[in-house]
Amino acid sequence: MAVSNLDMHALFVLGDLRAKLVKQFQSRFVYITEQNAEGIYIAELDTETALVVDDKPGLKLKVGDHFSASVLPSREGGKLDIKFRDIKLTVYGLGDYAFVTTADGHGIVFKEGHSVVMVFAAHQQLQEGLTKTLKAVTGKAAKWRKGELVTFKASE
């Protein structure tokens, strides 16, 4: 039988990461990207129309039917489960994410395997060059060569 627990270190690290995600959704326009060898998928969320629910005691964040993030117990001491579309990402701690900032806004890039997912809070709605802008932001943490993820520069 598997034993799951949420240790204090995981609670602080992952709880703090979840709190930073909540801050991302305080911007009106949030862009979520998924980038892998096949290409990039981009979704724009308008937080005025997508209900943002921050359940602090339950350590869960839910944004409409589009996105959710939950701190959960695991064998390793804790994990952050992120769900977006058909994507399920699990972040166990340091090294799996990076914070990026540009003139257009700020984001958190998550890595799992050969894919990255970014949650980007824009200062204003991105009108032109959406794909180019978001690829450049992701490129501050993840470097791609010939469609393959070759390096990931984690923040912590």
N, C-alpha and C. Protein backbone atom coordinates (compact mmCIF):
# COMPACT_ATOMS: atom_id res chain seq x y z
N MET A 1 0.84 -1.19 0.00
CA MET A 1 0.00 0.00 0.00
C MET A 1 0.88 1.24 0.00
N ALA A 2 0.59 2.18 -0.86
CA ALA A 2 1.38 3.41 -0.98
C ALA A 2 1.03 4.37 0.16
N VAL A 3 2.05 4.97 0.71
CA VAL A 3 1.85 5.95 1.78
C VAL A 3 2.02 7.34 1.18
N SER A 4 1.03 8.19 1.38
CA SER A 4 1.12 9.57 0.87
C SER A 4 1.15 10.52 2.05
N ASN A 5 1.98 11.52 1.93
CA ASN A 5 2.01 12.55 2.97
C ASN A 5 2.35 13.90 2.34
N LEU A 6 2.08 14.95 3.08
CA LEU A 6 2.41 16.30 2.65
C LEU A 6 3.33 16.87 3.71
N ASP A 7 4.65 16.83 3.45
CA ASP A 7 5.58 17.32 4.46
C ASP A 7 5.66 18.85 4.43
N MET A 8 6.21 19.40 5.49
CA MET A 8 6.22 20.87 5.65
C MET A 8 7.00 21.57 4.54
N HIS A 9 8.13 21.00 4.12
CA HIS A 9 8.91 21.63 3.05
C HIS A 9 8.10 21.71 1.76
N ALA A 10 7.45 20.60 1.40
CA ALA A 10 6.63 20.59 0.19
C ALA A 10 5.47 21.56 0.34
N LEU A 11 4.89 21.62 1.52
CA LEU A 11 3.78 22.53 1.76
C LEU A 11 4.20 23.97 1.51
N PHE A 12 5.39 24.36 2.01
CA PHE A 12 5.86 25.74 1.82
C PHE A 12 6.24 26.01 0.37
N VAL A 13 7.03 25.13 -0.23
CA VAL A 13 7.49 25.35 -1.60
C VAL A 13 6.32 25.33 -2.58
N LEU A 14 5.50 24.27 -2.51
CA LEU A 14 4.40 24.13 -3.46
C LEU A 14 3.25 25.07 -3.14
N GLY A 15 3.01 25.32 -1.86
CA GLY A 15 1.98 26.29 -1.48
C GLY A 15 2.33 27.69 -1.96
N ASP A 16 3.63 28.03 -1.87
CA ASP A 16 4.09 29.33 -2.35
C ASP A 16 3.97 29.42 -3.87
N LEU A 17 4.27 28.33 -4.56
CA LEU A 17 4.14 28.30 -6.02
C LEU A 17 2.67 28.46 -6.42
N ARG A 18 1.77 27.80 -5.70
CA ARG A 18 0.34 27.93 -5.97
C ARG A 18 -0.11 29.38 -5.73
N ALA A 19 0.42 30.01 -4.68
CA ALA A 19 0.09 31.42 -4.40
C ALA A 19 0.58 32.33 -5.53
N LYS A 20 1.73 32.02 -6.11
CA LYS A 20 2.24 32.81 -7.24
C LYS A 20 1.38 32.61 -8.48
N LEU A 21 0.83 31.41 -8.65
CA LEU A 21 -0.11 31.17 -9.75
C LEU A 21 -1.38 31.98 -9.56
N VAL A 22 -1.85 32.05 -8.31
CA VAL A 22 -3.05 32.86 -8.01
C VAL A 22 -2.81 34.30 -8.42
N LYS A 23 -1.60 34.83 -8.13
CA LYS A 23 -1.27 36.21 -8.51
C LYS A 23 -1.32 36.40 -10.03
N GLN A 24 -0.92 35.37 -10.79
CA GLN A 24 -0.98 35.47 -12.24
C GLN A 24 -2.41 35.77 -12.69
N PHE A 25 -3.38 35.14 -12.05
CA PHE A 25 -4.77 35.28 -12.46
C PHE A 25 -5.43 36.54 -11.90
N GLN A 26 -4.65 37.42 -11.29
CA GLN A 26 -5.17 38.73 -10.89
C GLN A 26 -5.09 39.71 -12.06
N SER A 27 -4.33 39.35 -13.09
CA SER A 27 -4.31 40.15 -14.32
C SER A 27 -5.57 39.84 -15.10
N ARG A 28 -6.01 40.79 -15.92
CA ARG A 28 -7.23 40.54 -16.69
C ARG A 28 -7.02 39.50 -17.77
N PHE A 29 -5.91 39.60 -18.52
CA PHE A 29 -5.65 38.67 -19.60
C PHE A 29 -4.50 37.73 -19.23
N VAL A 30 -4.81 36.45 -19.19
CA VAL A 30 -3.82 35.43 -18.87
C VAL A 30 -3.75 34.49 -20.07
N TYR A 31 -2.53 34.19 -20.48
CA TYR A 31 -2.31 33.29 -21.61
C TYR A 31 -1.67 32.01 -21.09
N ILE A 32 -2.22 30.89 -21.51
CA ILE A 32 -1.65 29.60 -21.15
C ILE A 32 -1.17 28.96 -22.44
N THR A 33 0.09 28.56 -22.43
CA THR A 33 0.66 27.94 -23.62
C THR A 33 1.16 26.55 -23.28
N GLU A 34 1.07 25.68 -24.26
CA GLU A 34 1.69 24.36 -24.17
C GLU A 34 2.60 24.26 -25.38
N GLN A 35 3.86 23.97 -25.14
CA GLN A 35 4.81 23.86 -26.24
C GLN A 35 5.52 22.52 -26.15
N ASN A 36 5.56 21.79 -27.27
CA ASN A 36 6.27 20.52 -27.34
C ASN A 36 6.82 20.35 -28.76
N ALA A 37 7.27 19.15 -29.08
CA ALA A 37 7.88 18.91 -30.39
C ALA A 37 6.91 19.17 -31.55
N GLU A 38 5.62 18.98 -31.32
CA GLU A 38 4.63 19.19 -32.38
C GLU A 38 4.33 20.66 -32.65
N GLY A 39 4.60 21.54 -31.69
CA GLY A 39 4.34 22.97 -31.87
C GLY A 39 3.85 23.61 -30.59
N ILE A 40 3.02 24.65 -30.75
CA ILE A 40 2.56 25.42 -29.60
C ILE A 40 1.04 25.57 -29.65
N TYR A 41 0.42 25.47 -28.49
CA TYR A 41 -1.02 25.72 -28.36
C TYR A 41 -1.18 26.88 -27.39
N ILE A 42 -2.03 27.85 -27.75
CA ILE A 42 -2.20 29.06 -26.92
C ILE A 42 -3.68 29.25 -26.60
N ALA A 43 -3.96 29.54 -25.35
CA ALA A 43 -5.33 29.88 -24.93
C ALA A 43 -5.28 31.21 -24.20
N GLU A 44 -6.24 32.09 -24.52
CA GLU A 44 -6.35 33.37 -23.82
C GLU A 44 -7.53 33.26 -22.85
N LEU A 45 -7.28 33.59 -21.59
CA LEU A 45 -8.34 33.60 -20.59
C LEU A 45 -8.57 35.03 -20.15
N ASP A 46 -9.81 35.47 -20.22
CA ASP A 46 -10.20 36.77 -19.72
C ASP A 46 -10.76 36.53 -18.32
N THR A 47 -10.04 36.97 -17.30
CA THR A 47 -10.43 36.66 -15.93
C THR A 47 -11.69 37.40 -15.49
N GLU A 48 -12.18 38.32 -16.32
CA GLU A 48 -13.46 38.96 -16.01
C GLU A 48 -14.62 38.04 -16.36
N THR A 49 -14.41 37.13 -17.32
CA THR A 49 -15.48 36.21 -17.70
C THR A 49 -15.24 34.80 -17.19
N ALA A 50 -13.99 34.40 -16.94
CA ALA A 50 -13.68 33.08 -16.40
C ALA A 50 -13.60 33.19 -14.88
N LEU A 51 -14.44 32.44 -14.18
CA LEU A 51 -14.48 32.50 -12.73
C LEU A 51 -13.19 31.94 -12.13
N VAL A 52 -12.51 32.74 -11.30
CA VAL A 52 -11.28 32.32 -10.63
C VAL A 52 -11.62 32.00 -9.18
N VAL A 53 -11.41 30.76 -8.77
CA VAL A 53 -11.71 30.34 -7.40
C VAL A 53 -10.42 29.94 -6.72
N ASP A 54 -10.08 30.66 -5.64
CA ASP A 54 -8.87 30.39 -4.86
C ASP A 54 -9.30 29.77 -3.54
N ASP A 55 -9.15 28.46 -3.42
CA ASP A 55 -9.50 27.75 -2.19
C ASP A 55 -8.22 27.59 -1.37
N LYS A 56 -7.90 28.61 -0.55
CA LYS A 56 -6.66 28.59 0.23
C LYS A 56 -6.57 27.41 1.18
N PRO A 57 -7.62 27.13 1.99
CA PRO A 57 -7.50 25.99 2.91
C PRO A 57 -7.30 24.65 2.19
N GLY A 58 -7.92 24.51 1.03
CA GLY A 58 -7.77 23.28 0.25
C GLY A 58 -6.57 23.28 -0.66
N LEU A 59 -5.81 24.38 -0.68
CA LEU A 59 -4.63 24.55 -1.53
C LEU A 59 -4.94 24.28 -3.01
N LYS A 60 -6.09 24.81 -3.47
CA LYS A 60 -6.50 24.58 -4.85
C LYS A 60 -6.84 25.91 -5.53
N LEU A 61 -6.54 25.99 -6.81
CA LEU A 61 -6.89 27.13 -7.67
C LEU A 61 -7.64 26.56 -8.85
N LYS A 62 -8.78 27.15 -9.16
CA LYS A 62 -9.57 26.70 -10.31
C LYS A 62 -9.98 27.92 -11.12
N VAL A 63 -9.80 27.86 -12.44
CA VAL A 63 -10.16 28.96 -13.33
C VAL A 63 -11.14 28.41 -14.36
N GLY A 64 -12.42 28.70 -14.15
CA GLY A 64 -13.47 28.19 -15.03
C GLY A 64 -13.32 26.70 -15.22
N ASP A 65 -13.56 26.23 -16.43
CA ASP A 65 -13.35 24.82 -16.76
C ASP A 65 -12.02 24.61 -17.47
N HIS A 66 -11.19 25.67 -17.49
CA HIS A 66 -9.98 25.66 -18.30
C HIS A 66 -8.74 25.16 -17.58
N PHE A 67 -8.59 25.54 -16.31
CA PHE A 67 -7.30 25.38 -15.64
C PHE A 67 -7.53 25.10 -14.16
N SER A 68 -6.73 24.21 -13.59
CA SER A 68 -6.75 24.02 -12.14
C SER A 68 -5.35 23.63 -11.67
N ALA A 69 -5.05 23.98 -10.43
CA ALA A 69 -3.78 23.63 -9.80
C ALA A 69 -4.08 23.29 -8.35
N SER A 70 -3.57 22.16 -7.88
CA SER A 70 -3.82 21.70 -6.51
C SER A 70 -2.54 21.15 -5.89
N VAL A 71 -2.28 21.53 -4.64
CA VAL A 71 -1.19 20.94 -3.88
C VAL A 71 -1.76 19.70 -3.20
N LEU A 72 -1.13 18.55 -3.46
CA LEU A 72 -1.62 17.27 -2.96
C LEU A 72 -0.49 16.48 -2.30
N PRO A 73 -0.84 15.59 -1.38
CA PRO A 73 0.20 14.73 -0.78
C PRO A 73 0.70 13.70 -1.80
N SER A 74 1.93 13.26 -1.60
CA SER A 74 2.50 12.22 -2.46
C SER A 74 3.56 11.46 -1.67
N ARG A 75 4.08 10.39 -2.27
CA ARG A 75 5.16 9.63 -1.62
C ARG A 75 6.39 10.49 -1.40
N GLU A 76 6.62 11.42 -2.34
CA GLU A 76 7.82 12.28 -2.28
C GLU A 76 7.66 13.41 -1.28
N GLY A 77 6.48 13.55 -0.67
CA GLY A 77 6.26 14.60 0.32
C GLY A 77 5.26 15.64 -0.13
N GLY A 78 4.99 15.71 -1.43
CA GLY A 78 4.01 16.66 -1.93
C GLY A 78 4.18 16.87 -3.42
N LYS A 79 3.09 17.28 -4.08
CA LYS A 79 3.15 17.56 -5.51
C LYS A 79 2.11 18.62 -5.84
N LEU A 80 2.36 19.34 -6.94
CA LEU A 80 1.42 20.31 -7.46
C LEU A 80 0.89 19.74 -8.76
N ASP A 81 -0.39 19.40 -8.78
CA ASP A 81 -1.03 18.89 -9.99
C ASP A 81 -1.64 20.05 -10.76
N ILE A 82 -1.26 20.18 -12.01
CA ILE A 82 -1.79 21.23 -12.88
C ILE A 82 -2.55 20.56 -14.01
N LYS A 83 -3.77 21.02 -14.26
CA LYS A 83 -4.58 20.47 -15.34
C LYS A 83 -4.99 21.62 -16.26
N PHE A 84 -4.76 21.41 -17.55
CA PHE A 84 -5.14 22.38 -18.58
C PHE A 84 -5.46 21.59 -19.85
N ARG A 85 -6.68 21.71 -20.34
CA ARG A 85 -7.15 20.92 -21.49
C ARG A 85 -6.94 19.44 -21.19
N ASP A 86 -6.19 18.74 -22.05
CA ASP A 86 -5.90 17.32 -21.86
C ASP A 86 -4.59 17.12 -21.12
N ILE A 87 -3.97 18.20 -20.70
CA ILE A 87 -2.65 18.14 -20.09
C ILE A 87 -2.77 17.98 -18.58
N LYS A 88 -2.00 17.05 -18.05
CA LYS A 88 -1.86 16.92 -16.60
C LYS A 88 -0.38 16.99 -16.30
N LEU A 89 0.03 18.01 -15.59
CA LEU A 89 1.43 18.20 -15.20
C LEU A 89 1.56 17.94 -13.71
N THR A 90 2.66 17.36 -13.30
CA THR A 90 2.92 17.19 -11.88
C THR A 90 4.27 17.83 -11.57
N VAL A 91 4.26 18.77 -10.63
CA VAL A 91 5.47 19.45 -10.20
C VAL A 91 5.78 18.98 -8.79
N TYR A 92 6.96 18.40 -8.61
CA TYR A 92 7.32 17.88 -7.29
C TYR A 92 8.12 18.87 -6.46
N GLY A 93 8.66 19.88 -7.08
CA GLY A 93 9.43 20.85 -6.31
C GLY A 93 10.36 21.64 -7.18
N LEU A 94 11.48 21.99 -6.61
CA LEU A 94 12.46 22.84 -7.27
C LEU A 94 12.98 22.20 -8.55
N GLY A 95 13.25 23.03 -9.55
CA GLY A 95 13.83 22.56 -10.80
C GLY A 95 12.83 22.29 -11.90
N ASP A 96 11.55 22.26 -11.57
CA ASP A 96 10.52 21.96 -12.57
C ASP A 96 9.81 23.21 -13.08
N TYR A 97 10.22 24.39 -12.61
CA TYR A 97 9.54 25.61 -13.04
C TYR A 97 10.51 26.78 -13.04
N ALA A 98 10.11 27.83 -13.79
CA ALA A 98 10.94 29.04 -13.90
C ALA A 98 10.02 30.26 -13.96
N PHE A 99 10.47 31.34 -13.36
CA PHE A 99 9.75 32.60 -13.41
C PHE A 99 10.39 33.46 -14.49
N VAL A 100 9.55 34.05 -15.35
CA VAL A 100 10.05 34.89 -16.44
C VAL A 100 9.31 36.23 -16.44
N THR A 101 10.04 37.28 -16.80
CA THR A 101 9.45 38.62 -16.85
C THR A 101 9.89 39.30 -18.14
N THR A 102 8.93 39.96 -18.80
CA THR A 102 9.23 40.74 -20.00
C THR A 102 8.47 42.06 -19.88
N ALA A 103 8.64 42.91 -20.89
CA ALA A 103 7.92 44.18 -20.91
C ALA A 103 6.40 43.97 -21.02
N ASP A 104 5.99 42.82 -21.57
CA ASP A 104 4.56 42.54 -21.78
C ASP A 104 3.87 41.95 -20.55
N GLY A 105 4.64 41.42 -19.61
CA GLY A 105 4.04 40.81 -18.42
C GLY A 105 5.00 39.85 -17.75
N HIS A 106 4.45 38.91 -16.97
CA HIS A 106 5.28 37.96 -16.24
C HIS A 106 4.61 36.59 -16.26
N GLY A 107 5.45 35.55 -16.21
CA GLY A 107 4.90 34.21 -16.31
C GLY A 107 5.65 33.19 -15.49
N ILE A 108 5.05 32.01 -15.42
CA ILE A 108 5.67 30.85 -14.80
C ILE A 108 5.66 29.75 -15.85
N VAL A 109 6.85 29.20 -16.10
CA VAL A 109 7.00 28.13 -17.08
C VAL A 109 7.24 26.82 -16.32
N PHE A 110 6.42 25.81 -16.62
CA PHE A 110 6.53 24.50 -15.98
C PHE A 110 7.04 23.51 -17.01
N LYS A 111 7.94 22.62 -16.58
CA LYS A 111 8.49 21.61 -17.47
C LYS A 111 8.10 20.23 -16.97
N GLU A 112 7.69 19.40 -17.92
CA GLU A 112 7.50 17.98 -17.62
C GLU A 112 7.87 17.21 -18.87
N GLY A 113 8.87 16.37 -18.74
CA GLY A 113 9.36 15.62 -19.90
C GLY A 113 9.88 16.55 -20.96
N HIS A 114 9.35 16.42 -22.19
CA HIS A 114 9.80 17.26 -23.31
C HIS A 114 8.76 18.32 -23.67
N SER A 115 7.93 18.68 -22.71
CA SER A 115 6.91 19.71 -22.91
C SER A 115 7.04 20.78 -21.85
N VAL A 116 6.60 21.98 -22.20
CA VAL A 116 6.52 23.04 -21.21
C VAL A 116 5.13 23.68 -21.29
N VAL A 117 4.66 24.11 -20.16
CA VAL A 117 3.40 24.84 -20.06
C VAL A 117 3.72 26.15 -19.37
N MET A 118 3.20 27.26 -19.92
CA MET A 118 3.44 28.56 -19.32
C MET A 118 2.11 29.24 -19.00
N VAL A 119 2.07 29.85 -17.82
CA VAL A 119 0.95 30.70 -17.44
C VAL A 119 1.51 32.11 -17.43
N PHE A 120 1.00 32.96 -18.35
CA PHE A 120 1.56 34.29 -18.55
C PHE A 120 0.50 35.35 -18.30
N ALA A 121 0.77 36.23 -17.34
CA ALA A 121 -0.13 37.33 -17.02
C ALA A 121 0.34 38.56 -17.79
N ALA A 122 -0.46 38.99 -18.74
CA ALA A 122 -0.10 40.13 -19.58
C ALA A 122 -0.58 41.43 -18.94
N HIS A 123 0.20 42.49 -19.13
CA HIS A 123 -0.20 43.81 -18.63
C HIS A 123 -1.45 44.30 -19.37
N GLN A 124 -1.56 43.91 -20.64
CA GLN A 124 -2.73 44.26 -21.45
C GLN A 124 -2.91 43.16 -22.49
N GLN A 125 -4.06 43.14 -23.13
CA GLN A 125 -4.34 42.10 -24.11
C GLN A 125 -3.32 42.15 -25.24
N LEU A 126 -2.75 41.00 -25.58
CA LEU A 126 -1.79 40.91 -26.67
C LEU A 126 -2.55 40.86 -27.99
N GLN A 127 -2.36 41.87 -28.83
CA GLN A 127 -3.12 41.99 -30.07
C GLN A 127 -2.37 41.42 -31.27
N GLU A 128 -1.10 41.75 -31.39
CA GLU A 128 -0.32 41.35 -32.55
C GLU A 128 0.86 40.49 -32.14
N GLY A 129 1.24 39.58 -33.00
CA GLY A 129 2.41 38.76 -32.74
C GLY A 129 2.28 37.89 -31.52
N LEU A 130 1.09 37.36 -31.28
CA LEU A 130 0.81 36.58 -30.08
C LEU A 130 1.74 35.38 -29.96
N THR A 131 1.82 34.56 -30.99
CA THR A 131 2.66 33.36 -30.95
C THR A 131 4.13 33.73 -30.78
N LYS A 132 4.58 34.71 -31.55
CA LYS A 132 5.99 35.14 -31.48
C LYS A 132 6.32 35.66 -30.08
N THR A 133 5.45 36.49 -29.52
CA THR A 133 5.67 37.06 -28.19
C THR A 133 5.74 35.97 -27.13
N LEU A 134 4.78 35.05 -27.13
CA LEU A 134 4.73 34.01 -26.10
C LEU A 134 5.85 32.98 -26.26
N LYS A 135 6.25 32.70 -27.49
CA LYS A 135 7.40 31.81 -27.71
C LYS A 135 8.67 32.45 -27.16
N ALA A 136 8.81 33.77 -27.36
CA ALA A 136 9.98 34.48 -26.86
C ALA A 136 10.02 34.47 -25.33
N VAL A 137 8.85 34.62 -24.70
CA VAL A 137 8.80 34.57 -23.23
C VAL A 137 9.19 33.18 -22.75
N THR A 138 8.62 32.15 -23.35
CA THR A 138 8.96 30.77 -22.99
C THR A 138 10.45 30.52 -23.21
N GLY A 139 11.00 31.11 -24.27
CA GLY A 139 12.42 30.95 -24.61
C GLY A 139 13.37 31.49 -23.56
N LYS A 140 12.89 32.31 -22.64
CA LYS A 140 13.75 32.79 -21.56
C LYS A 140 14.09 31.65 -20.59
N ALA A 141 13.25 30.61 -20.56
CA ALA A 141 13.50 29.47 -19.66
C ALA A 141 13.78 28.18 -20.42
N ALA A 142 13.13 28.00 -21.56
CA ALA A 142 13.24 26.74 -22.30
C ALA A 142 13.82 27.00 -23.68
N LYS A 143 14.88 26.28 -24.01
CA LYS A 143 15.52 26.42 -25.33
C LYS A 143 15.18 25.21 -26.18
N TRP A 144 14.74 25.50 -27.40
CA TRP A 144 14.34 24.46 -28.34
C TRP A 144 15.30 24.43 -29.51
N ARG A 145 15.60 23.25 -30.00
CA ARG A 145 16.41 23.11 -31.21
C ARG A 145 15.81 21.98 -32.04
N LYS A 146 15.44 22.29 -33.26
CA LYS A 146 14.83 21.33 -34.18
C LYS A 146 13.61 20.66 -33.54
N GLY A 147 12.81 21.45 -32.84
CA GLY A 147 11.59 20.94 -32.24
C GLY A 147 11.78 20.18 -30.93
N GLU A 148 13.01 20.03 -30.47
CA GLU A 148 13.30 19.29 -29.23
C GLU A 148 13.69 20.26 -28.12
N LEU A 149 13.20 19.99 -26.94
CA LEU A 149 13.58 20.76 -25.76
C LEU A 149 14.99 20.34 -25.37
N VAL A 150 15.95 21.27 -25.45
CA VAL A 150 17.34 20.91 -25.16
C VAL A 150 17.81 21.42 -23.79
N THR A 151 17.33 22.57 -23.36
CA THR A 151 17.70 23.06 -22.03
C THR A 151 16.52 23.73 -21.36
N PHE A 152 16.49 23.64 -20.03
CA PHE A 152 15.48 24.30 -19.23
C PHE A 152 16.18 24.95 -18.05
N LYS A 153 16.03 26.27 -17.95
CA LYS A 153 16.70 27.03 -16.90
C LYS A 153 15.71 27.30 -15.77
N ALA A 154 15.74 26.46 -14.75
CA ALA A 154 14.82 26.60 -13.61
C ALA A 154 15.21 27.80 -12.75
N SER A 155 14.22 28.39 -12.09
CA SER A 155 14.48 29.57 -11.25
C SER A 155 15.00 29.19 -9.88
N GLU A 156 14.57 28.07 -9.36
CA GLU A 156 14.97 27.71 -7.99
C GLU A 156 15.46 26.29 -7.96
